[in-house]
Amino acid sequence: MQEDQNSPIPELEQKVGAGETAMPLPEDTTPIDTTPSLEDMLKAAELKAAENHDAWLRARAETENMRRRAQEDVTKAHKFAAEKFAGELLAVKDSLEAALATGEQTVEAMRAGVELTLKQLVAAFEKSTVVEVNPLGEKFDPHKHQAIAMVEAEQETNTVVSVLQKGYTLHDRILRPALVTVAKPKS
């Protein structure tokens, strides 16, 4: 144990702990180099680059998959956009076929059947937000109406006098403009 007390290291620790300068290390001990070698630094940089490249490839693949899925969703939306409306129209078609399949019918029974079928069609339009445009008596609007003729009438100029064919809108977009006759001033 006495050798431990005589070794330079405890003296060094005592002196450094007391605020004195440390004794130089004996010549037989070599200092430990804690700085990484260039090879170690290169290996670490290559590993980091490989990790970043892998992360970039994964992010790129994920982005491509998201783009492809979004494109498929848009394609399906276009392809099946009218599916709900078409399903509603099937009931109308069934009613028309049933009316034609019946042999002898009276005019009153045929009329009642057509009225019920029309109600089914109007209900299908309402569910699909197809709205009828009947502008009789309104001011002529070239965005919603198509004037076929101008006639002298008692109404104010540019007022719709008669509707030859109703127009329709879908979500406030014109599907078909109403064909109308417009009033012109009397000469």
C-alpha atoms as a PDB file:
ATOM      1  CA  MET A   1       0.000   0.000   0.000  1.00  0.00           C
ATOM      2  CA  GLN A   2       2.870   2.299   0.533  1.00  0.00           C
ATOM      3  CA  GLU A   3       3.726   2.160  -3.117  1.00  0.00           C
ATOM      4  CA  ASP A   4       0.300   3.590  -3.901  1.00  0.00           C
ATOM      5  CA  GLN A   5       0.974   6.533  -1.668  1.00  0.00           C
ATOM      6  CA  ASN A   6       4.354   7.120  -3.287  1.00  0.00           C
ATOM      7  CA  SER A   7       3.039   6.905  -6.876  1.00  0.00           C
ATOM      8  CA  PRO A   8       2.892  10.177  -8.774  1.00  0.00           C
ATOM      9  CA  ILE A   9      -0.831   9.934  -9.494  1.00  0.00           C
ATOM     10  CA  PRO A  10      -2.105  10.455  -5.922  1.00  0.00           C
ATOM     11  CA  GLU A  11       0.297  13.392  -5.608  1.00  0.00           C
ATOM     12  CA  LEU A  12      -1.060  14.755  -8.877  1.00  0.00           C
ATOM     13  CA  GLU A  13      -4.605  14.389  -7.653  1.00  0.00           C
ATOM     14  CA  GLN A  14      -3.738  16.064  -4.391  1.00  0.00           C
ATOM     15  CA  LYS A  15      -2.017  18.960  -6.085  1.00  0.00           C
ATOM     16  CA  VAL A  16      -4.725  19.478  -8.701  1.00  0.00           C
ATOM     17  CA  GLY A  17      -7.382  19.247  -6.067  1.00  0.00           C
ATOM     18  CA  ALA A  18      -5.556  21.904  -4.026  1.00  0.00           C
ATOM     19  CA  GLY A  19      -5.471  24.268  -6.984  1.00  0.00           C
ATOM     20  CA  GLU A  20      -1.828  23.716  -7.877  1.00  0.00           C
ATOM     21  CA  THR A  21      -0.543  22.896 -11.314  1.00  0.00           C
ATOM     22  CA  ALA A  22      -0.314  19.240 -12.168  1.00  0.00           C
ATOM     23  CA  MET A  23       2.947  17.425 -12.416  1.00  0.00           C
ATOM     24  CA  PRO A  24       3.898  16.208 -15.837  1.00  0.00           C
ATOM     25  CA  LEU A  25       3.193  12.570 -16.494  1.00  0.00           C
ATOM     26  CA  PRO A  26       6.100  10.199 -16.266  1.00  0.00           C
ATOM     27  CA  GLU A  27       7.805   9.376 -19.552  1.00  0.00           C
ATOM     28  CA  ASP A  28       6.717   5.760 -19.565  1.00  0.00           C
ATOM     29  CA  THR A  29       2.964   6.582 -19.876  1.00  0.00           C
ATOM     30  CA  THR A  30       1.608   7.623 -23.276  1.00  0.00           C
ATOM     31  CA  PRO A  31      -1.278  10.076 -23.558  1.00  0.00           C
ATOM     32  CA  ILE A  32      -4.619   8.614 -24.739  1.00  0.00           C
ATOM     33  CA  ASP A  33      -5.782  10.119 -28.053  1.00  0.00           C
ATOM     34  CA  THR A  34      -9.544  10.776 -27.776  1.00  0.00           C
ATOM     35  CA  THR A  35      -9.985  12.498 -31.178  1.00  0.00           C
ATOM     36  CA  PRO A  36     -11.566  10.234 -33.808  1.00  0.00           C
ATOM     37  CA  SER A  37      -9.474   9.282 -36.778  1.00  0.00           C
ATOM     38  CA  LEU A  38     -10.379  10.427 -40.282  1.00  0.00           C
ATOM     39  CA  GLU A  39     -11.448   6.878 -41.122  1.00  0.00           C
ATOM     40  CA  ASP A  40     -13.850   6.828 -38.174  1.00  0.00           C
ATOM     41  CA  MET A  41     -15.243  10.212 -39.139  1.00  0.00           C
ATOM     42  CA  LEU A  42     -15.675   9.056 -42.754  1.00  0.00           C
ATOM     43  CA  LYS A  43     -17.495   5.893 -41.656  1.00  0.00           C
ATOM     44  CA  ALA A  44     -19.790   7.931 -39.421  1.00  0.00           C
ATOM     45  CA  ALA A  45     -20.530  10.391 -42.243  1.00  0.00           C
ATOM     46  CA  GLU A  46     -21.214   7.532 -44.673  1.00  0.00           C
ATOM     47  CA  LEU A  47     -23.618   5.916 -42.184  1.00  0.00           C
ATOM     48  CA  LYS A  48     -25.426   9.219 -41.683  1.00  0.00           C
ATOM     49  CA  ALA A  49     -25.611   9.746 -45.460  1.00  0.00           C
ATOM     50  CA  ALA A  50     -27.002   6.226 -45.925  1.00  0.00           C
ATOM     51  CA  GLU A  51     -29.639   6.882 -43.214  1.00  0.00           C
ATOM     52  CA  ASN A  52     -30.627  10.176 -44.840  1.00  0.00           C
ATOM     53  CA  HIS A  53     -30.796   8.581 -48.290  1.00  0.00           C
ATOM     54  CA  ASP A  54     -32.971   5.772 -46.942  1.00  0.00           C
ATOM     55  CA  ALA A  55     -35.275   8.293 -45.226  1.00  0.00           C
ATOM     56  CA  TRP A  56     -35.489  10.312 -48.441  1.00  0.00           C
ATOM     57  CA  LEU A  57     -36.345   7.198 -50.486  1.00  0.00           C
ATOM     58  CA  ARG A  58     -39.073   6.260 -48.009  1.00  0.00           C
ATOM     59  CA  ALA A  59     -40.524   9.783 -48.042  1.00  0.00           C
ATOM     60  CA  ARG A  60     -40.439   9.834 -51.837  1.00  0.00           C
ATOM     61  CA  ALA A  61     -42.185   6.453 -52.032  1.00  0.00           C
ATOM     62  CA  GLU A  62     -44.831   7.587 -49.539  1.00  0.00           C
ATOM     63  CA  THR A  63     -45.433  10.780 -51.510  1.00  0.00           C
ATOM     64  CA  GLU A  64     -45.754   8.811 -54.738  1.00  0.00           C
ATOM     65  CA  ASN A  65     -48.211   6.406 -53.085  1.00  0.00           C
ATOM     66  CA  MET A  66     -50.302   9.306 -51.771  1.00  0.00           C
ATOM     67  CA  ARG A  67     -50.333  10.931 -55.229  1.00  0.00           C
ATOM     68  CA  ARG A  68     -51.359   7.642 -56.855  1.00  0.00           C
ATOM     69  CA  ARG A  69     -54.127   7.046 -54.287  1.00  0.00           C
ATOM     70  CA  ALA A  70     -55.443  10.579 -54.743  1.00  0.00           C
ATOM     71  CA  GLN A  71     -55.476  10.111 -58.528  1.00  0.00           C
ATOM     72  CA  GLU A  72     -57.387   6.838 -58.127  1.00  0.00           C
ATOM     73  CA  ASP A  73     -59.898   8.570 -55.834  1.00  0.00           C
ATOM     74  CA  VAL A  74     -60.452  11.331 -58.392  1.00  0.00           C
ATOM     75  CA  THR A  75     -60.869   8.768 -61.172  1.00  0.00           C
ATOM     76  CA  LYS A  76     -63.410   6.819 -59.104  1.00  0.00           C
ATOM     77  CA  ALA A  77     -65.257  10.023 -58.210  1.00  0.00           C
ATOM     78  CA  HIS A  78     -65.560  10.920 -61.900  1.00  0.00           C
ATOM     79  CA  LYS A  79     -66.538   7.398 -62.879  1.00  0.00           C
ATOM     80  CA  PHE A  80     -69.204   6.923 -60.218  1.00  0.00           C
ATOM     81  CA  ALA A  81     -70.400  10.523 -59.766  1.00  0.00           C
ATOM     82  CA  ALA A  82     -73.849   9.774 -61.171  1.00  0.00           C
ATOM     83  CA  GLU A  83     -74.260   6.516 -59.228  1.00  0.00           C
ATOM     84  CA  LYS A  84     -76.685   7.930 -56.652  1.00  0.00           C
ATOM     85  CA  PHE A  85     -78.745   9.734 -59.282  1.00  0.00           C
ATOM     86  CA  ALA A  86     -78.813   6.672 -61.535  1.00  0.00           C
ATOM     87  CA  GLY A  87     -80.064   4.585 -58.616  1.00  0.00           C
ATOM     88  CA  GLU A  88     -82.928   7.051 -58.108  1.00  0.00           C
ATOM     89  CA  LEU A  89     -83.845   6.861 -61.795  1.00  0.00           C
ATOM     90  CA  LEU A  90     -84.161   3.070 -61.674  1.00  0.00           C
ATOM     91  CA  ALA A  91     -87.460   3.403 -59.782  1.00  0.00           C
ATOM     92  CA  VAL A  92     -88.769   5.736 -62.492  1.00  0.00           C
ATOM     93  CA  LYS A  93     -87.785   3.271 -65.224  1.00  0.00           C
ATOM     94  CA  ASP A  94     -89.445   0.395 -63.319  1.00  0.00           C
ATOM     95  CA  SER A  95     -92.694   2.390 -63.088  1.00  0.00           C
ATOM     96  CA  LEU A  96     -92.671   3.168 -66.814  1.00  0.00           C
ATOM     97  CA  GLU A  97     -92.033  -0.484 -67.699  1.00  0.00           C
ATOM     98  CA  ALA A  98     -94.839  -1.605 -65.381  1.00  0.00           C
ATOM     99  CA  ALA A  99     -97.236   0.832 -67.076  1.00  0.00           C
ATOM    100  CA  LEU A 100     -96.341  -0.521 -70.514  1.00  0.00           C
ATOM    101  CA  ALA A 101     -96.631  -4.148 -69.367  1.00  0.00           C
ATOM    102  CA  THR A 102    -100.245  -3.701 -68.341  1.00  0.00           C
ATOM    103  CA  GLY A 103    -102.577  -4.640 -71.177  1.00  0.00           C
ATOM    104  CA  GLU A 104    -105.889  -2.829 -71.308  1.00  0.00           C
ATOM    105  CA  GLN A 105    -105.877   0.436 -69.376  1.00  0.00           C
ATOM    106  CA  THR A 106    -108.214   3.347 -69.186  1.00  0.00           C
ATOM    107  CA  VAL A 107    -106.991   6.827 -69.960  1.00  0.00           C
ATOM    108  CA  GLU A 108    -107.582   7.832 -66.348  1.00  0.00           C
ATOM    109  CA  ALA A 109    -105.500   4.938 -64.992  1.00  0.00           C
ATOM    110  CA  MET A 110    -102.696   5.692 -67.468  1.00  0.00           C
ATOM    111  CA  ARG A 111    -102.756   9.366 -66.477  1.00  0.00           C
ATOM    112  CA  ALA A 112    -102.608   8.490 -62.757  1.00  0.00           C
ATOM    113  CA  GLY A 113     -99.641   6.179 -63.415  1.00  0.00           C
ATOM    114  CA  VAL A 114     -97.796   8.873 -65.387  1.00  0.00           C
ATOM    115  CA  GLU A 115     -98.420  11.412 -62.605  1.00  0.00           C
ATOM    116  CA  LEU A 116     -96.992   9.029 -59.999  1.00  0.00           C
ATOM    117  CA  THR A 117     -93.977   8.363 -62.215  1.00  0.00           C
ATOM    118  CA  LEU A 118     -93.436  12.104 -62.645  1.00  0.00           C
ATOM    119  CA  LYS A 119     -93.514  12.494 -58.842  1.00  0.00           C
ATOM    120  CA  GLN A 120     -90.814   9.802 -58.585  1.00  0.00           C
ATOM    121  CA  LEU A 121     -88.706  11.663 -61.144  1.00  0.00           C
ATOM    122  CA  VAL A 122     -89.145  15.008 -59.352  1.00  0.00           C
ATOM    123  CA  ALA A 123     -88.139  13.341 -56.058  1.00  0.00           C
ATOM    124  CA  ALA A 124     -85.001  11.921 -57.735  1.00  0.00           C
ATOM    125  CA  PHE A 125     -84.163  15.408 -59.043  1.00  0.00           C
ATOM    126  CA  GLU A 126     -84.618  16.928 -55.583  1.00  0.00           C
ATOM    127  CA  LYS A 127     -82.352  14.335 -53.955  1.00  0.00           C
ATOM    128  CA  SER A 128     -79.678  15.123 -56.533  1.00  0.00           C
ATOM    129  CA  THR A 129     -80.217  18.917 -56.255  1.00  0.00           C
ATOM    130  CA  VAL A 130     -81.438  19.255 -59.836  1.00  0.00           C
ATOM    131  CA  VAL A 131     -83.659  22.346 -59.704  1.00  0.00           C
ATOM    132  CA  GLU A 132     -86.239  23.358 -62.291  1.00  0.00           C
ATOM    133  CA  VAL A 133     -86.013  26.891 -63.723  1.00  0.00           C
ATOM    134  CA  ASN A 134     -89.396  28.272 -64.813  1.00  0.00           C
ATOM    135  CA  PRO A 135     -88.850  32.029 -65.320  1.00  0.00           C
ATOM    136  CA  LEU A 136     -92.372  33.030 -66.445  1.00  0.00           C
ATOM    137  CA  GLY A 137     -92.891  36.714 -65.590  1.00  0.00           C
ATOM    138  CA  GLU A 138     -89.257  37.248 -64.531  1.00  0.00           C
ATOM    139  CA  LYS A 139     -86.729  39.600 -66.073  1.00  0.00           C
ATOM    140  CA  PHE A 140     -84.766  37.968 -68.917  1.00  0.00           C
ATOM    141  CA  ASP A 141     -81.339  36.721 -67.746  1.00  0.00           C
ATOM    142  CA  PRO A 142     -79.041  35.571 -70.581  1.00  0.00           C
ATOM    143  CA  HIS A 143     -77.092  33.437 -68.079  1.00  0.00           C
ATOM    144  CA  LYS A 144     -80.180  31.376 -67.224  1.00  0.00           C
ATOM    145  CA  HIS A 145     -82.467  31.801 -70.230  1.00  0.00           C
ATOM    146  CA  GLN A 146     -82.252  31.433 -73.970  1.00  0.00           C
ATOM    147  CA  ALA A 147     -84.555  33.781 -75.884  1.00  0.00           C
ATOM    148  CA  ILE A 148     -86.141  32.218 -78.941  1.00  0.00           C
ATOM    149  CA  ALA A 149     -88.258  35.215 -79.948  1.00  0.00           C
ATOM    150  CA  MET A 150     -89.359  38.674 -78.917  1.00  0.00           C
ATOM    151  CA  VAL A 151     -93.045  39.519 -79.042  1.00  0.00           C
ATOM    152  CA  GLU A 152     -95.061  42.652 -78.363  1.00  0.00           C
ATOM    153  CA  ALA A 153     -96.731  42.255 -74.998  1.00  0.00           C
ATOM    154  CA  GLU A 154     -98.291  44.163 -72.140  1.00  0.00           C
ATOM    155  CA  GLN A 155     -95.403  43.227 -69.797  1.00  0.00           C
ATOM    156  CA  GLU A 156     -92.342  45.353 -69.266  1.00  0.00           C
ATOM    157  CA  THR A 157     -89.617  45.113 -71.926  1.00  0.00           C
ATOM    158  CA  ASN A 158     -87.230  42.125 -71.520  1.00  0.00           C
ATOM    159  CA  THR A 159     -89.696  40.214 -69.361  1.00  0.00           C
ATOM    160  CA  VAL A 160     -90.256  36.503 -70.023  1.00  0.00           C
ATOM    161  CA  VAL A 161     -93.691  36.183 -71.620  1.00  0.00           C
ATOM    162  CA  SER A 162     -93.774  32.421 -72.157  1.00  0.00           C
ATOM    163  CA  VAL A 163     -91.600  29.415 -71.381  1.00  0.00           C
ATOM    164  CA  LEU A 164     -91.258  26.941 -74.240  1.00  0.00           C
ATOM    165  CA  GLN A 165     -88.940  24.596 -72.348  1.00  0.00           C
ATOM    166  CA  LYS A 166     -88.038  24.731 -68.658  1.00  0.00           C
ATOM    167  CA  GLY A 167     -84.399  25.048 -67.663  1.00  0.00           C
ATOM    168  CA  TYR A 168     -82.531  23.108 -64.988  1.00  0.00           C
ATOM    169  CA  THR A 169     -79.642  23.782 -62.620  1.00  0.00           C
ATOM    170  CA  LEU A 170     -77.394  21.439 -60.673  1.00  0.00           C
ATOM    171  CA  HIS A 171     -75.859  23.005 -57.560  1.00  0.00           C
ATOM    172  CA  ASP A 172     -76.462  26.484 -59.022  1.00  0.00           C
ATOM    173  CA  ARG A 173     -74.802  25.544 -62.327  1.00  0.00           C
ATOM    174  CA  ILE A 174     -76.958  25.695 -65.442  1.00  0.00           C
ATOM    175  CA  LEU A 175     -77.603  22.239 -66.910  1.00  0.00           C
ATOM    176  CA  ARG A 176     -79.947  23.598 -69.537  1.00  0.00           C
ATOM    177  CA  PRO A 177     -81.154  27.175 -70.005  1.00  0.00           C
ATOM    178  CA  ALA A 178     -84.891  27.793 -70.219  1.00  0.00           C
ATOM    179  CA  LEU A 179     -86.142  28.470 -73.768  1.00  0.00           C
ATOM    180  CA  VAL A 180     -88.284  31.596 -73.514  1.00  0.00           C
ATOM    181  CA  THR A 181     -90.141  34.265 -75.422  1.00  0.00           C
ATOM    182  CA  VAL A 182     -89.325  37.801 -74.301  1.00  0.00           C
ATOM    183  CA  ALA A 183     -91.495  40.939 -74.363  1.00  0.00           C
ATOM    184  CA  LYS A 184     -90.483  43.846 -76.586  1.00  0.00           C
ATOM    185  CA  PRO A 185     -91.908  47.358 -76.586  1.00  0.00           C
ATOM    186  CA  LYS A 186     -95.014  47.977 -78.697  1.00  0.00           C
ATOM    187  CA  SER A 187     -94.327  49.876 -81.878  1.00  0.00           C
END
